[in-house]
Amino acid sequence: MSERRPPWPVRLVKGFAMFWWDFLIGDTPELFVAALVTIGVVALLRGVGHQNAAAVIALPVLAVVSLVLSVRRAAKPRE
């Protein structure tokens, strides 16, 4: 007995969603969240407060902090 496959539009949408999930999230969802937070903070500083200098400083600082935290988490010995 063969299993029924979903129609091709459903497979297309599911494949498209799975591609973007794997491309954006992948193995490190914390980096995806850190990128969203960084973009949000810089956008708020730039747009709402018109703090361009603070946004220019915050962007590399937040990027370095998120990468350091990710590396520390990956380097932590597993028990």
PDB file of N, CA and C in Angstrom:
ATOM      1  N   MET A   1       0.856  -1.174   0.000  1.00  0.00           N
ATOM      2  CA  MET A   1       0.000   0.000   0.000  1.00  0.00           C
ATOM      3  C   MET A   1       0.903   1.238   0.000  1.00  0.00           C
ATOM      4  N   SER A   2       0.657   2.140  -0.905  1.00  0.00           N
ATOM      5  CA  SER A   2       1.489   3.338  -1.004  1.00  0.00           C
ATOM      6  C   SER A   2       0.875   4.481  -0.190  1.00  0.00           C
ATOM      7  N   GLU A   3       1.762   5.299   0.307  1.00  0.00           N
ATOM      8  CA  GLU A   3       1.339   6.454   1.108  1.00  0.00           C
ATOM      9  C   GLU A   3       1.042   7.616   0.176  1.00  0.00           C
ATOM     10  N   ARG A   4      -0.021   8.345   0.459  1.00  0.00           N
ATOM     11  CA  ARG A   4      -0.377   9.485  -0.387  1.00  0.00           C
ATOM     12  C   ARG A   4       0.535  10.670  -0.090  1.00  0.00           C
ATOM     13  N   ARG A   5       1.064  11.272  -1.156  1.00  0.00           N
ATOM     14  CA  ARG A   5       1.897  12.459  -1.000  1.00  0.00           C
ATOM     15  C   ARG A   5       1.003  13.688  -0.981  1.00  0.00           C
ATOM     16  N   PRO A   6       1.413  14.720  -0.238  1.00  0.00           N
ATOM     17  CA  PRO A   6       0.641  15.967  -0.271  1.00  0.00           C
ATOM     18  C   PRO A   6       0.736  16.604  -1.656  1.00  0.00           C
ATOM     19  N   PRO A   7      -0.206  17.449  -1.989  1.00  0.00           N
ATOM     20  CA  PRO A   7      -0.158  18.113  -3.301  1.00  0.00           C
ATOM     21  C   PRO A   7       1.104  18.967  -3.449  1.00  0.00           C
ATOM     22  N   TRP A   8       1.485  19.228  -4.712  1.00  0.00           N
ATOM     23  CA  TRP A   8       2.745  19.925  -4.959  1.00  0.00           C
ATOM     24  C   TRP A   8       2.802  21.321  -4.366  1.00  0.00           C
ATOM     25  N   PRO A   9       1.701  22.110  -4.264  1.00  0.00           N
ATOM     26  CA  PRO A   9       1.852  23.427  -3.624  1.00  0.00           C
ATOM     27  C   PRO A   9       2.225  23.312  -2.141  1.00  0.00           C
ATOM     28  N   VAL A  10       1.696  22.305  -1.479  1.00  0.00           N
ATOM     29  CA  VAL A  10       2.027  22.098  -0.064  1.00  0.00           C
ATOM     30  C   VAL A  10       3.493  21.712   0.067  1.00  0.00           C
ATOM     31  N   ARG A  11       3.960  20.820  -0.801  1.00  0.00           N
ATOM     32  CA  ARG A  11       5.375  20.424  -0.763  1.00  0.00           C
ATOM     33  C   ARG A  11       6.273  21.608  -1.077  1.00  0.00           C
ATOM     34  N   LEU A  12       5.855  22.460  -2.007  1.00  0.00           N
ATOM     35  CA  LEU A  12       6.640  23.633  -2.383  1.00  0.00           C
ATOM     36  C   LEU A  12       6.770  24.607  -1.215  1.00  0.00           C
ATOM     37  N   VAL A  13       5.664  24.903  -0.570  1.00  0.00           N
ATOM     38  CA  VAL A  13       5.687  25.834   0.569  1.00  0.00           C
ATOM     39  C   VAL A  13       6.490  25.246   1.723  1.00  0.00           C
ATOM     40  N   LYS A  14       6.303  23.956   1.984  1.00  0.00           N
ATOM     41  CA  LYS A  14       7.048  23.312   3.073  1.00  0.00           C
ATOM     42  C   LYS A  14       8.546  23.303   2.778  1.00  0.00           C
ATOM     43  N   GLY A  15       8.923  22.989   1.544  1.00  0.00           N
ATOM     44  CA  GLY A  15      10.333  23.004   1.177  1.00  0.00           C
ATOM     45  C   GLY A  15      10.941  24.393   1.265  1.00  0.00           C
ATOM     46  N   PHE A  16      10.180  25.411   0.837  1.00  0.00           N
ATOM     47  CA  PHE A  16      10.644  26.798   0.916  1.00  0.00           C
ATOM     48  C   PHE A  16      10.866  27.208   2.373  1.00  0.00           C
ATOM     49  N   ALA A  17       9.902  26.865   3.232  1.00  0.00           N
ATOM     50  CA  ALA A  17      10.023  27.204   4.656  1.00  0.00           C
ATOM     51  C   ALA A  17      11.186  26.461   5.300  1.00  0.00           C
ATOM     52  N   MET A  18      11.369  25.207   4.959  1.00  0.00           N
ATOM     53  CA  MET A  18      12.473  24.435   5.542  1.00  0.00           C
ATOM     54  C   MET A  18      13.828  24.979   5.098  1.00  0.00           C
ATOM     55  N   PHE A  19      13.918  25.436   3.834  1.00  0.00           N
ATOM     56  CA  PHE A  19      15.156  26.039   3.362  1.00  0.00           C
ATOM     57  C   PHE A  19      15.505  27.274   4.179  1.00  0.00           C
ATOM     58  N   TRP A  20      14.533  28.183   4.350  1.00  0.00           N
ATOM     59  CA  TRP A  20      14.814  29.417   5.079  1.00  0.00           C
ATOM     60  C   TRP A  20      15.093  29.149   6.549  1.00  0.00           C
ATOM     61  N   TRP A  21      14.418  28.178   7.141  1.00  0.00           N
ATOM     62  CA  TRP A  21      14.693  27.820   8.537  1.00  0.00           C
ATOM     63  C   TRP A  21      16.136  27.346   8.659  1.00  0.00           C
ATOM     64  N   ASP A  22      16.553  26.460   7.785  1.00  0.00           N
ATOM     65  CA  ASP A  22      17.911  25.944   7.848  1.00  0.00           C
ATOM     66  C   ASP A  22      18.932  27.023   7.515  1.00  0.00           C
ATOM     67  N   PHE A  23      18.633  27.902   6.566  1.00  0.00           N
ATOM     68  CA  PHE A  23      19.556  28.959   6.170  1.00  0.00           C
ATOM     69  C   PHE A  23      19.722  29.996   7.276  1.00  0.00           C
ATOM     70  N   LEU A  24      18.618  30.419   7.897  1.00  0.00           N
ATOM     71  CA  LEU A  24      18.689  31.480   8.908  1.00  0.00           C
ATOM     72  C   LEU A  24      19.031  30.952  10.299  1.00  0.00           C
ATOM     73  N   ILE A  25      18.418  29.892  10.700  1.00  0.00           N
ATOM     74  CA  ILE A  25      18.596  29.387  12.055  1.00  0.00           C
ATOM     75  C   ILE A  25      19.746  28.387  12.093  1.00  0.00           C
ATOM     76  N   GLY A  26      19.679  27.361  11.283  1.00  0.00           N
ATOM     77  CA  GLY A  26      20.748  26.375  11.204  1.00  0.00           C
ATOM     78  C   GLY A  26      21.015  25.700  12.533  1.00  0.00           C
ATOM     79  N   ASP A  27      22.295  25.584  12.869  1.00  0.00           N
ATOM     80  CA  ASP A  27      22.695  24.906  14.097  1.00  0.00           C
ATOM     81  C   ASP A  27      22.795  25.838  15.294  1.00  0.00           C
ATOM     82  N   THR A  28      22.761  27.140  15.064  1.00  0.00           N
ATOM     83  CA  THR A  28      22.958  28.091  16.160  1.00  0.00           C
ATOM     84  C   THR A  28      21.827  29.113  16.219  1.00  0.00           C
ATOM     85  N   PRO A  29      20.708  28.739  16.823  1.00  0.00           N
ATOM     86  CA  PRO A  29      19.604  29.692  16.903  1.00  0.00           C
ATOM     87  C   PRO A  29      19.940  30.920  17.753  1.00  0.00           C
ATOM     88  N   GLU A  30      20.896  30.792  18.675  1.00  0.00           N
ATOM     89  CA  GLU A  30      21.240  31.956  19.500  1.00  0.00           C
ATOM     90  C   GLU A  30      21.866  33.064  18.671  1.00  0.00           C
ATOM     91  N   LEU A  31      22.590  32.723  17.611  1.00  0.00           N
ATOM     92  CA  LEU A  31      23.150  33.766  16.750  1.00  0.00           C
ATOM     93  C   LEU A  31      22.061  34.460  15.934  1.00  0.00           C
ATOM     94  N   PHE A  32      21.041  33.726  15.544  1.00  0.00           N
ATOM     95  CA  PHE A  32      19.912  34.332  14.832  1.00  0.00           C
ATOM     96  C   PHE A  32      19.192  35.320  15.746  1.00  0.00           C
ATOM     97  N   VAL A  33      18.957  34.914  16.988  1.00  0.00           N
ATOM     98  CA  VAL A  33      18.286  35.801  17.949  1.00  0.00           C
ATOM     99  C   VAL A  33      19.175  37.007  18.247  1.00  0.00           C
ATOM    100  N   ALA A  34      20.471  36.787  18.402  1.00  0.00           N
ATOM    101  CA  ALA A  34      21.396  37.898  18.663  1.00  0.00           C
ATOM    102  C   ALA A  34      21.414  38.883  17.497  1.00  0.00           C
ATOM    103  N   ALA A  35      21.351  38.375  16.281  1.00  0.00           N
ATOM    104  CA  ALA A  35      21.319  39.263  15.115  1.00  0.00           C
ATOM    105  C   ALA A  35      20.039  40.088  15.098  1.00  0.00           C
ATOM    106  N   LEU A  36      18.910  39.460  15.410  1.00  0.00           N
ATOM    107  CA  LEU A  36      17.647  40.198  15.465  1.00  0.00           C
ATOM    108  C   LEU A  36      17.668  41.268  16.550  1.00  0.00           C
ATOM    109  N   VAL A  37      18.222  40.931  17.715  1.00  0.00           N
ATOM    110  CA  VAL A  37      18.308  41.906  18.811  1.00  0.00           C
ATOM    111  C   VAL A  37      19.232  43.056  18.418  1.00  0.00           C
ATOM    112  N   THR A  38      20.367  42.740  17.821  1.00  0.00           N
ATOM    113  CA  THR A  38      21.306  43.770  17.395  1.00  0.00           C
ATOM    114  C   THR A  38      20.669  44.717  16.374  1.00  0.00           C
ATOM    115  N   ILE A  39      20.011  44.146  15.372  1.00  0.00           N
ATOM    116  CA  ILE A  39      19.348  44.972  14.366  1.00  0.00           C
ATOM    117  C   ILE A  39      18.251  45.821  15.007  1.00  0.00           C
ATOM    118  N   GLY A  40      17.499  45.239  15.934  1.00  0.00           N
ATOM    119  CA  GLY A  40      16.441  45.986  16.609  1.00  0.00           C
ATOM    120  C   GLY A  40      16.970  47.140  17.444  1.00  0.00           C
ATOM    121  N   VAL A  41      18.030  46.893  18.193  1.00  0.00           N
ATOM    122  CA  VAL A  41      18.607  47.946  19.038  1.00  0.00           C
ATOM    123  C   VAL A  41      19.157  49.086  18.173  1.00  0.00           C
ATOM    124  N   VAL A  42      19.873  48.738  17.120  1.00  0.00           N
ATOM    125  CA  VAL A  42      20.433  49.766  16.243  1.00  0.00           C
ATOM    126  C   VAL A  42      19.314  50.541  15.547  1.00  0.00           C
ATOM    127  N   ALA A  43      18.271  49.847  15.117  1.00  0.00           N
ATOM    128  CA  ALA A  43      17.146  50.528  14.474  1.00  0.00           C
ATOM    129  C   ALA A  43      16.441  51.465  15.442  1.00  0.00           C
ATOM    130  N   LEU A  44      16.274  51.030  16.683  1.00  0.00           N
ATOM    131  CA  LEU A  44      15.641  51.902  17.679  1.00  0.00           C
ATOM    132  C   LEU A  44      16.502  53.126  17.978  1.00  0.00           C
ATOM    133  N   LEU A  45      17.804  52.915  18.147  1.00  0.00           N
ATOM    134  CA  LEU A  45      18.696  54.047  18.408  1.00  0.00           C
ATOM    135  C   LEU A  45      18.699  55.027  17.241  1.00  0.00           C
ATOM    136  N   ARG A  46      18.702  54.501  16.043  1.00  0.00           N
ATOM    137  CA  ARG A  46      18.788  55.352  14.849  1.00  0.00           C
ATOM    138  C   ARG A  46      17.455  56.032  14.543  1.00  0.00           C
ATOM    139  N   GLY A  47      16.376  55.278  14.638  1.00  0.00           N
ATOM    140  CA  GLY A  47      15.086  55.799  14.197  1.00  0.00           C
ATOM    141  C   GLY A  47      14.356  56.607  15.244  1.00  0.00           C
ATOM    142  N   VAL A  48      14.222  56.056  16.425  1.00  0.00           N
ATOM    143  CA  VAL A  48      13.409  56.701  17.456  1.00  0.00           C
ATOM    144  C   VAL A  48      14.169  57.832  18.131  1.00  0.00           C
ATOM    145  N   GLY A  49      15.390  57.536  18.560  1.00  0.00           N
ATOM    146  CA  GLY A  49      16.131  58.542  19.304  1.00  0.00           C
ATOM    147  C   GLY A  49      17.038  59.403  18.467  1.00  0.00           C
ATOM    148  N   HIS A  50      17.192  59.081  17.192  1.00  0.00           N
ATOM    149  CA  HIS A  50      18.111  59.790  16.301  1.00  0.00           C
ATOM    150  C   HIS A  50      19.512  59.848  16.906  1.00  0.00           C
ATOM    151  N   GLN A  51      19.902  58.739  17.510  1.00  0.00           N
ATOM    152  CA  GLN A  51      21.222  58.633  18.131  1.00  0.00           C
ATOM    153  C   GLN A  51      22.164  57.902  17.178  1.00  0.00           C
ATOM    154  N   ASN A  52      22.545  58.561  16.110  1.00  0.00           N
ATOM    155  CA  ASN A  52      23.373  57.911  15.091  1.00  0.00           C
ATOM    156  C   ASN A  52      24.729  57.484  15.641  1.00  0.00           C
ATOM    157  N   ALA A  53      25.346  58.317  16.456  1.00  0.00           N
ATOM    158  CA  ALA A  53      26.654  57.969  17.019  1.00  0.00           C
ATOM    159  C   ALA A  53      26.544  56.752  17.922  1.00  0.00           C
ATOM    160  N   ALA A  54      25.486  56.683  18.721  1.00  0.00           N
ATOM    161  CA  ALA A  54      25.290  55.519  19.597  1.00  0.00           C
ATOM    162  C   ALA A  54      25.032  54.268  18.775  1.00  0.00           C
ATOM    163  N   ALA A  55      24.313  54.403  17.673  1.00  0.00           N
ATOM    164  CA  ALA A  55      24.043  53.251  16.813  1.00  0.00           C
ATOM    165  C   ALA A  55      25.321  52.748  16.162  1.00  0.00           C
ATOM    166  N   VAL A  56      26.178  53.659  15.752  1.00  0.00           N
ATOM    167  CA  VAL A  56      27.446  53.276  15.122  1.00  0.00           C
ATOM    168  C   VAL A  56      28.336  52.549  16.120  1.00  0.00           C
ATOM    169  N   ILE A  57      28.284  52.944  17.368  1.00  0.00           N
ATOM    170  CA  ILE A  57      29.080  52.281  18.406  1.00  0.00           C
ATOM    171  C   ILE A  57      28.425  50.968  18.838  1.00  0.00           C
ATOM    172  N   ALA A  58      27.107  50.960  18.938  1.00  0.00           N
ATOM    173  CA  ALA A  58      26.396  49.783  19.439  1.00  0.00           C
ATOM    174  C   ALA A  58      26.486  48.600  18.485  1.00  0.00           C
ATOM    175  N   LEU A  59      26.485  48.846  17.196  1.00  0.00           N
ATOM    176  CA  LEU A  59      26.484  47.747  16.233  1.00  0.00           C
ATOM    177  C   LEU A  59      27.696  46.827  16.381  1.00  0.00           C
ATOM    178  N   PRO A  60      28.929  47.328  16.317  1.00  0.00           N
ATOM    179  CA  PRO A  60      30.058  46.398  16.461  1.00  0.00           C
ATOM    180  C   PRO A  60      30.176  45.826  17.868  1.00  0.00           C
ATOM    181  N   VAL A  61      29.797  46.611  18.876  1.00  0.00           N
ATOM    182  CA  VAL A  61      29.878  46.106  20.252  1.00  0.00           C
ATOM    183  C   VAL A  61      28.921  44.933  20.441  1.00  0.00           C
ATOM    184  N   LEU A  62      27.685  45.085  19.997  1.00  0.00           N
ATOM    185  CA  LEU A  62      26.722  43.998  20.140  1.00  0.00           C
ATOM    186  C   LEU A  62      27.110  42.790  19.292  1.00  0.00           C
ATOM    187  N   ALA A  63      27.668  43.017  18.120  1.00  0.00           N
ATOM    188  CA  ALA A  63      28.099  41.898  17.274  1.00  0.00           C
ATOM    189  C   ALA A  63      29.222  41.111  17.941  1.00  0.00           C
ATOM    190  N   VAL A  64      30.202  41.810  18.499  1.00  0.00           N
ATOM    191  CA  VAL A  64      31.322  41.139  19.168  1.00  0.00           C
ATOM    192  C   VAL A  64      30.837  40.406  20.414  1.00  0.00           C
ATOM    193  N   VAL A  65      29.961  41.028  21.186  1.00  0.00           N
ATOM    194  CA  VAL A  65      29.437  40.385  22.393  1.00  0.00           C
ATOM    195  C   VAL A  65      28.682  39.108  22.037  1.00  0.00           C
ATOM    196  N   SER A  66      27.842  39.164  21.024  1.00  0.00           N
ATOM    197  CA  SER A  66      27.089  37.966  20.656  1.00  0.00           C
ATOM    198  C   SER A  66      28.006  36.858  20.154  1.00  0.00           C
ATOM    199  N   LEU A  67      29.037  37.196  19.388  1.00  0.00           N
ATOM    200  CA  LEU A  67      29.963  36.173  18.912  1.00  0.00           C
ATOM    201  C   LEU A  67      30.796  35.586  20.048  1.00  0.00           C
ATOM    202  N   VAL A  68      31.238  36.420  20.992  1.00  0.00           N
ATOM    203  CA  VAL A  68      32.000  35.920  22.145  1.00  0.00           C
ATOM    204  C   VAL A  68      31.138  34.977  22.970  1.00  0.00           C
ATOM    205  N   LEU A  69      29.887  35.347  23.218  1.00  0.00           N
ATOM    206  CA  LEU A  69      28.999  34.467  23.984  1.00  0.00           C
ATOM    207  C   LEU A  69      28.743  33.153  23.259  1.00  0.00           C
ATOM    208  N   SER A  70      28.613  33.208  21.953  1.00  0.00           N
ATOM    209  CA  SER A  70      28.398  31.986  21.182  1.00  0.00           C
ATOM    210  C   SER A  70      29.620  31.073  21.227  1.00  0.00           C
ATOM    211  N   VAL A  71      30.806  31.649  21.100  1.00  0.00           N
ATOM    212  CA  VAL A  71      32.032  30.844  21.159  1.00  0.00           C
ATOM    213  C   VAL A  71      32.219  30.258  22.549  1.00  0.00           C
ATOM    214  N   ARG A  72      31.960  31.033  23.582  1.00  0.00           N
ATOM    215  CA  ARG A  72      32.077  30.521  24.952  1.00  0.00           C
ATOM    216  C   ARG A  72      31.098  29.384  25.188  1.00  0.00           C
ATOM    217  N   ARG A  73      29.885  29.517  24.653  1.00  0.00           N
ATOM    218  CA  ARG A  73      28.893  28.459  24.816  1.00  0.00           C
ATOM    219  C   ARG A  73      29.329  27.192  24.079  1.00  0.00           C
ATOM    220  N   ALA A  74      29.901  27.360  22.885  1.00  0.00           N
ATOM    221  CA  ALA A  74      30.342  26.197  22.101  1.00  0.00           C
ATOM    222  C   ALA A  74      31.575  25.533  22.705  1.00  0.00           C
ATOM    223  N   ALA A  75      32.432  26.316  23.355  1.00  0.00           N
ATOM    224  CA  ALA A  75      33.660  25.783  23.918  1.00  0.00           C
ATOM    225  C   ALA A  75      33.442  25.164  25.295  1.00  0.00           C
ATOM    226  N   LYS A  76      32.277  25.400  25.892  1.00  0.00           N
ATOM    227  CA  LYS A  76      32.010  24.849  27.218  1.00  0.00           C
ATOM    228  C   LYS A  76      31.976  23.319  27.130  1.00  0.00           C
ATOM    229  N   PRO A  77      32.706  22.647  28.019  1.00  0.00           N
ATOM    230  CA  PRO A  77      32.714  21.180  27.952  1.00  0.00           C
ATOM    231  C   PRO A  77      31.324  20.610  28.272  1.00  0.00           C
ATOM    232  N   ARG A  78      30.940  19.625  27.498  1.00  0.00           N
ATOM    233  CA  ARG A  78      29.653  18.954  27.701  1.00  0.00           C
ATOM    234  C   ARG A  78      29.817  17.847  28.727  1.00  0.00           C
ATOM    235  N   GLU A  79      28.815  17.705  29.544  1.00  0.00           N
ATOM    236  CA  GLU A  79      28.883  16.635  30.569  1.00  0.00           C
ATOM    237  C   GLU A  79      27.996  15.493  30.214  1.00  0.00           C
TER     238      GLU A  79
END
